[in-house]
């Protein structure tokens, strides 16, 4: 067998299957990831905002946008 294009790593595939997202707390600066059963989201007609309780300080942290 010959690989033409390398796929995602095992860790990346597991994160996709868990619908894992990264969050950043504006209060304490903590960056963490959470599975889909650990975060919540608000949705309007255009935007979806994901948020989760920060494991460090307990405040709401919002999804870290890819730069």
C-alpha atoms as a PDB file:
ATOM      1  CA  UNK A   1       0.000   0.000   0.000  1.00  0.00           C
ATOM      2  CA  UNK A   2       1.234   3.493  -0.834  1.00  0.00           C
ATOM      3  CA  UNK A   3       0.013   6.647   0.908  1.00  0.00           C
ATOM      4  CA  UNK A   4      -0.644   9.456  -1.587  1.00  0.00           C
ATOM      5  CA  UNK A   5      -1.632  12.091   0.970  1.00  0.00           C
ATOM      6  CA  UNK A   6      -1.149  11.720   4.743  1.00  0.00           C
ATOM      7  CA  UNK A   7      -4.408  11.977   6.684  1.00  0.00           C
ATOM      8  CA  UNK A   8      -5.052  13.432  10.111  1.00  0.00           C
ATOM      9  CA  UNK A   9      -3.408  11.998  13.196  1.00  0.00           C
ATOM     10  CA  UNK A  10      -5.258   9.663  15.557  1.00  0.00           C
ATOM     11  CA  UNK A  11      -5.585  12.461  18.145  1.00  0.00           C
ATOM     12  CA  UNK A  12      -7.061  14.857  15.555  1.00  0.00           C
ATOM     13  CA  UNK A  13      -9.600  12.253  14.437  1.00  0.00           C
ATOM     14  CA  UNK A  14     -10.659  11.565  18.038  1.00  0.00           C
ATOM     15  CA  UNK A  15     -11.107  15.322  18.619  1.00  0.00           C
ATOM     16  CA  UNK A  16     -13.272  15.617  15.508  1.00  0.00           C
ATOM     17  CA  UNK A  17     -15.438  12.682  16.567  1.00  0.00           C
ATOM     18  CA  UNK A  18     -15.889  14.173  20.048  1.00  0.00           C
ATOM     19  CA  UNK A  19     -16.703  17.560  18.456  1.00  0.00           C
ATOM     20  CA  UNK A  20     -13.966  19.052  20.655  1.00  0.00           C
ATOM     21  CA  UNK A  21     -13.482  22.828  20.692  1.00  0.00           C
ATOM     22  CA  UNK A  22     -10.869  25.074  22.295  1.00  0.00           C
ATOM     23  CA  UNK A  23     -11.813  27.892  24.644  1.00  0.00           C
ATOM     24  CA  UNK A  24     -10.011  30.913  26.081  1.00  0.00           C
ATOM     25  CA  UNK A  25     -10.990  32.621  29.318  1.00  0.00           C
ATOM     26  CA  UNK A  26     -10.818  36.420  29.138  1.00  0.00           C
ATOM     27  CA  UNK A  27     -10.640  36.668  32.941  1.00  0.00           C
ATOM     28  CA  UNK A  28      -7.677  34.430  33.815  1.00  0.00           C
ATOM     29  CA  UNK A  29      -6.192  33.645  30.371  1.00  0.00           C
ATOM     30  CA  UNK A  30      -6.673  29.864  30.661  1.00  0.00           C
ATOM     31  CA  UNK A  31      -6.851  28.010  27.325  1.00  0.00           C
ATOM     32  CA  UNK A  32      -8.526  24.592  27.377  1.00  0.00           C
ATOM     33  CA  UNK A  33     -10.484  22.169  25.235  1.00  0.00           C
ATOM     34  CA  UNK A  34     -13.908  20.678  25.925  1.00  0.00           C
ATOM     35  CA  UNK A  35     -16.049  17.957  24.357  1.00  0.00           C
ATOM     36  CA  UNK A  36     -19.549  18.587  23.028  1.00  0.00           C
ATOM     37  CA  UNK A  37     -21.139  17.386  26.278  1.00  0.00           C
ATOM     38  CA  UNK A  38     -19.143  19.953  28.308  1.00  0.00           C
ATOM     39  CA  UNK A  39     -19.896  23.218  26.447  1.00  0.00           C
ATOM     40  CA  UNK A  40     -23.048  25.099  25.503  1.00  0.00           C
ATOM     41  CA  UNK A  41     -23.915  27.373  22.626  1.00  0.00           C
ATOM     42  CA  UNK A  42     -26.210  30.248  21.719  1.00  0.00           C
ATOM     43  CA  UNK A  43     -27.395  30.584  18.150  1.00  0.00           C
ATOM     44  CA  UNK A  44     -29.149  33.326  16.231  1.00  0.00           C
ATOM     45  CA  UNK A  45     -29.900  33.619  12.520  1.00  0.00           C
ATOM     46  CA  UNK A  46     -26.255  34.135  11.529  1.00  0.00           C
ATOM     47  CA  UNK A  47     -23.860  33.310  14.351  1.00  0.00           C
ATOM     48  CA  UNK A  48     -23.253  30.471  16.784  1.00  0.00           C
ATOM     49  CA  UNK A  49     -21.391  31.309  20.003  1.00  0.00           C
ATOM     50  CA  UNK A  50     -19.900  28.434  22.006  1.00  0.00           C
ATOM     51  CA  UNK A  51     -19.033  28.921  25.678  1.00  0.00           C
ATOM     52  CA  UNK A  52     -17.940  26.791  28.601  1.00  0.00           C
ATOM     53  CA  UNK A  53     -17.214  27.250  32.295  1.00  0.00           C
ATOM     54  CA  UNK A  54     -13.488  27.848  32.821  1.00  0.00           C
ATOM     55  CA  UNK A  55     -11.919  25.017  34.853  1.00  0.00           C
ATOM     56  CA  UNK A  56      -9.517  27.519  36.467  1.00  0.00           C
ATOM     57  CA  UNK A  57     -11.697  30.422  37.638  1.00  0.00           C
ATOM     58  CA  UNK A  58     -15.280  29.288  36.923  1.00  0.00           C
ATOM     59  CA  UNK A  59     -16.227  32.212  34.643  1.00  0.00           C
ATOM     60  CA  UNK A  60     -17.618  31.750  31.130  1.00  0.00           C
ATOM     61  CA  UNK A  61     -14.936  31.239  28.493  1.00  0.00           C
ATOM     62  CA  UNK A  62     -15.652  31.574  24.787  1.00  0.00           C
ATOM     63  CA  UNK A  63     -14.499  29.537  21.829  1.00  0.00           C
ATOM     64  CA  UNK A  64     -10.967  30.273  20.686  1.00  0.00           C
ATOM     65  CA  UNK A  65     -11.137  31.324  17.027  1.00  0.00           C
ATOM     66  CA  UNK A  66      -8.506  29.997  14.668  1.00  0.00           C
ATOM     67  CA  UNK A  67      -6.173  32.725  13.501  1.00  0.00           C
END
